C-alpha cells in the first residue's frame, strides 16, 4: 500500500503507518477522533462511531452532487 500511494498519489507513507481493517476496527484504533460521515448514509455508521467513543460529524450531501462530499462541505 505504501508503494501504491507513492506511485498514484505522490504520498510518502511508511508501511507501519498503514492500517487495513474493517470500519469499526479502524474506529477502535484511535483514542479520540472526529469521524466524518456523509448523510444520508447507512444506518449503523453513526451508532458504531458512538459505540467506539468517537465524535460523529455528519456532512450533508445531495442528489445534484451525486451524494459526494465536496471540499466546501467540510468547514474548518
N, C-alpha and C. Protein backbone atom coordinates (compact mmCIF):
# COMPACT_ATOMS: atom_id res chain seq x y z
N UNK A 1 0.81 -1.20 0.00
CA UNK A 1 0.00 0.00 0.00
C UNK A 1 0.86 1.26 0.00
N UNK A 2 1.96 1.25 0.71
CA UNK A 2 2.82 2.43 0.76
C UNK A 2 3.35 2.74 -0.64
N UNK A 3 3.75 1.71 -1.36
CA UNK A 3 4.26 1.89 -2.72
C UNK A 3 3.14 2.41 -3.63
N UNK A 4 1.96 1.86 -3.49
CA UNK A 4 0.81 2.29 -4.29
C UNK A 4 0.55 3.78 -4.09
N UNK A 5 0.48 4.22 -2.83
CA UNK A 5 0.17 5.63 -2.55
C UNK A 5 1.29 6.56 -3.03
N UNK A 6 2.52 6.09 -3.01
CA UNK A 6 3.62 6.91 -3.52
C UNK A 6 3.49 7.07 -5.03
N UNK A 7 3.23 5.96 -5.72
CA UNK A 7 3.14 5.99 -7.18
C UNK A 7 1.89 6.72 -7.68
N UNK A 8 0.76 6.52 -7.03
CA UNK A 8 -0.51 7.04 -7.53
C UNK A 8 -0.94 8.37 -6.92
N UNK A 9 -0.49 8.66 -5.71
CA UNK A 9 -0.93 9.87 -5.03
C UNK A 9 0.22 10.80 -4.67
N UNK A 10 1.45 10.35 -4.89
CA UNK A 10 2.60 11.17 -4.52
C UNK A 10 2.78 11.31 -3.02
N UNK A 11 2.20 10.39 -2.25
CA UNK A 11 2.31 10.45 -0.79
C UNK A 11 3.43 9.53 -0.31
N UNK A 12 4.23 10.03 0.58
CA UNK A 12 5.27 9.20 1.18
C UNK A 12 4.73 8.70 2.52
N UNK A 13 4.45 7.41 2.55
CA UNK A 13 3.84 6.79 3.73
C UNK A 13 4.67 5.57 4.11
N UNK A 14 4.92 5.41 5.40
CA UNK A 14 5.64 4.22 5.87
C UNK A 14 4.67 3.05 5.99
N UNK A 15 5.20 1.86 5.77
CA UNK A 15 4.38 0.65 5.91
C UNK A 15 3.73 0.56 7.28
N UNK A 16 4.47 0.96 8.31
CA UNK A 16 3.97 0.86 9.68
C UNK A 16 2.84 1.84 9.97
N UNK A 17 2.62 2.81 9.08
CA UNK A 17 1.58 3.81 9.28
C UNK A 17 0.30 3.49 8.52
N UNK A 18 0.22 2.31 7.93
CA UNK A 18 -0.96 1.92 7.16
C UNK A 18 -1.73 0.86 7.94
N UNK A 19 -3.03 1.08 8.05
CA UNK A 19 -3.91 0.14 8.74
C UNK A 19 -4.99 -0.30 7.76
N UNK A 20 -5.07 -1.59 7.54
CA UNK A 20 -6.12 -2.14 6.69
C UNK A 20 -7.00 -3.00 7.59
N UNK A 21 -8.27 -2.58 7.73
CA UNK A 21 -9.17 -3.27 8.65
C UNK A 21 -10.61 -2.88 8.32
N UNK A 22 -11.54 -3.53 8.98
CA UNK A 22 -12.94 -3.15 8.81
C UNK A 22 -13.16 -1.78 9.44
N UNK A 23 -14.23 -1.13 9.04
CA UNK A 23 -14.51 0.23 9.52
C UNK A 23 -14.55 0.35 11.04
N UNK A 24 -15.23 -0.59 11.70
CA UNK A 24 -15.34 -0.50 13.15
C UNK A 24 -13.98 -0.69 13.81
N UNK A 25 -13.16 -1.59 13.29
CA UNK A 25 -11.82 -1.82 13.84
C UNK A 25 -10.97 -0.57 13.69
N UNK A 26 -11.11 0.12 12.58
CA UNK A 26 -10.38 1.37 12.38
C UNK A 26 -10.80 2.39 13.43
N UNK A 27 -12.10 2.46 13.72
CA UNK A 27 -12.59 3.40 14.74
C UNK A 27 -11.95 3.11 16.10
N UNK A 28 -11.74 1.85 16.41
CA UNK A 28 -11.16 1.47 17.70
C UNK A 28 -9.66 1.70 17.75
N UNK A 29 -9.04 1.92 16.61
CA UNK A 29 -7.59 2.10 16.55
C UNK A 29 -7.15 3.48 17.05
N UNK A 30 -8.10 4.40 17.19
CA UNK A 30 -7.77 5.76 17.62
C UNK A 30 -8.33 6.03 19.01
N UNK A 31 -7.55 6.76 19.82
CA UNK A 31 -8.03 7.12 21.15
C UNK A 31 -9.24 8.02 21.06
N UNK A 32 -9.13 9.08 20.30
CA UNK A 32 -10.24 10.02 20.12
C UNK A 32 -10.11 10.63 18.73
N UNK A 33 -11.21 10.63 17.98
CA UNK A 33 -11.16 11.15 16.62
C UNK A 33 -12.50 11.76 16.23
N UNK A 34 -12.44 12.69 15.30
CA UNK A 34 -13.64 13.19 14.64
C UNK A 34 -13.83 12.33 13.40
N UNK A 35 -15.03 11.79 13.24
CA UNK A 35 -15.32 10.90 12.12
C UNK A 35 -16.36 11.58 11.23
N UNK A 36 -15.97 11.88 9.99
CA UNK A 36 -16.87 12.47 9.03
C UNK A 36 -17.73 11.38 8.40
N UNK A 37 -19.05 11.56 8.47
CA UNK A 37 -19.98 10.60 7.89
C UNK A 37 -20.90 11.35 6.93
N UNK A 38 -20.87 10.98 5.64
CA UNK A 38 -21.78 11.64 4.71
C UNK A 38 -23.23 11.27 5.04
N UNK A 39 -24.13 12.23 4.85
CA UNK A 39 -25.54 11.99 5.11
C UNK A 39 -26.32 12.31 3.83
N UNK A 40 -27.23 11.46 3.41
CA UNK A 40 -27.65 10.24 4.08
C UNK A 40 -26.60 9.14 3.97
N UNK A 41 -26.69 8.20 4.89
CA UNK A 41 -25.71 7.12 4.93
C UNK A 41 -26.34 5.85 5.48
N UNK A 42 -25.55 4.82 5.55
CA UNK A 42 -26.01 3.56 6.12
C UNK A 42 -26.36 3.77 7.59
N UNK A 43 -27.42 3.15 8.06
CA UNK A 43 -27.97 3.43 9.39
C UNK A 43 -27.04 3.08 10.55
N UNK A 44 -26.08 2.18 10.36
CA UNK A 44 -25.26 1.76 11.50
C UNK A 44 -23.97 2.57 11.67
N UNK A 45 -23.61 3.42 10.71
CA UNK A 45 -22.33 4.13 10.80
C UNK A 45 -22.24 5.04 12.03
N UNK A 46 -23.22 5.88 12.25
CA UNK A 46 -23.17 6.79 13.41
C UNK A 46 -23.20 6.03 14.73
N UNK A 47 -24.10 5.04 14.92
CA UNK A 47 -24.09 4.29 16.18
C UNK A 47 -22.77 3.56 16.43
N UNK A 48 -22.16 3.00 15.39
CA UNK A 48 -20.87 2.32 15.55
C UNK A 48 -19.80 3.32 15.97
N UNK A 49 -19.84 4.50 15.39
CA UNK A 49 -18.87 5.53 15.73
C UNK A 49 -19.03 5.95 17.20
N UNK A 50 -20.26 6.14 17.63
CA UNK A 50 -20.52 6.50 19.03
C UNK A 50 -20.13 5.36 19.97
N UNK A 51 -20.40 4.11 19.57
CA UNK A 51 -20.03 2.94 20.37
C UNK A 51 -18.52 2.88 20.57
N UNK A 52 -17.77 3.32 19.56
CA UNK A 52 -16.30 3.35 19.65
C UNK A 52 -15.81 4.61 20.38
N UNK A 53 -16.75 5.38 20.93
CA UNK A 53 -16.45 6.61 21.69
C UNK A 53 -15.73 7.65 20.83
N UNK A 54 -16.15 7.76 19.58
CA UNK A 54 -15.61 8.77 18.68
C UNK A 54 -16.68 9.82 18.41
N UNK A 55 -16.24 10.98 17.92
CA UNK A 55 -17.13 12.10 17.64
C UNK A 55 -17.66 12.01 16.21
N UNK A 56 -19.00 12.03 16.04
CA UNK A 56 -19.63 11.96 14.73
C UNK A 56 -19.84 13.37 14.19
N UNK A 57 -19.38 13.58 12.96
CA UNK A 57 -19.65 14.84 12.26
C UNK A 57 -20.33 14.45 10.95
N UNK A 58 -21.62 14.79 10.82
CA UNK A 58 -22.36 14.45 9.60
C UNK A 58 -22.14 15.54 8.56
N UNK A 59 -21.87 15.10 7.34
CA UNK A 59 -21.68 16.01 6.21
C UNK A 59 -22.83 15.79 5.23
N UNK A 60 -23.64 16.82 5.05
CA UNK A 60 -24.80 16.69 4.17
C UNK A 60 -24.38 16.59 2.71
N UNK A 61 -25.00 15.67 2.01
CA UNK A 61 -24.79 15.50 0.58
C UNK A 61 -26.15 15.61 -0.12
N UNK A 62 -26.13 15.67 -1.45
CA UNK A 62 -27.39 15.77 -2.17
C UNK A 62 -27.32 15.07 -3.52
N UNK A 63 -28.48 14.88 -4.08
CA UNK A 63 -28.61 14.18 -5.36
C UNK A 63 -27.83 14.90 -6.47
N UNK A 64 -27.93 16.25 -6.51
CA UNK A 64 -27.28 17.03 -7.56
C UNK A 64 -25.77 16.79 -7.59
N UNK A 65 -25.18 16.57 -6.45
CA UNK A 65 -23.73 16.31 -6.35
C UNK A 65 -23.41 14.82 -6.35
N UNK A 66 -24.41 14.01 -6.72
CA UNK A 66 -24.27 12.56 -6.77
C UNK A 66 -23.87 11.97 -5.42
N UNK A 67 -24.37 12.61 -4.34
CA UNK A 67 -24.16 12.16 -2.96
C UNK A 67 -22.69 12.22 -2.54
N UNK A 68 -21.89 12.99 -3.25
CA UNK A 68 -20.46 13.11 -2.92
C UNK A 68 -20.22 14.27 -1.97
N UNK A 69 -19.24 14.11 -1.11
CA UNK A 69 -18.83 15.19 -0.22
C UNK A 69 -17.92 16.12 -1.01
N UNK A 70 -18.26 17.40 -1.03
CA UNK A 70 -17.45 18.38 -1.74
C UNK A 70 -16.54 19.09 -0.73
N UNK A 71 -15.40 19.59 -1.20
CA UNK A 71 -14.47 20.26 -0.27
C UNK A 71 -15.13 21.37 0.53
N UNK A 72 -16.02 22.14 -0.09
CA UNK A 72 -16.66 23.25 0.64
C UNK A 72 -17.64 22.77 1.71
N UNK A 73 -18.00 21.50 1.68
CA UNK A 73 -18.87 20.93 2.70
C UNK A 73 -18.13 20.79 4.03
N UNK A 74 -16.83 20.58 3.96
CA UNK A 74 -16.02 20.42 5.16
C UNK A 74 -15.54 21.79 5.62
N UNK A 75 -16.04 22.24 6.74
CA UNK A 75 -15.67 23.54 7.28
C UNK A 75 -14.68 23.37 8.40
N UNK A 76 -13.62 24.14 8.36
CA UNK A 76 -12.58 24.05 9.39
C UNK A 76 -12.91 24.99 10.52
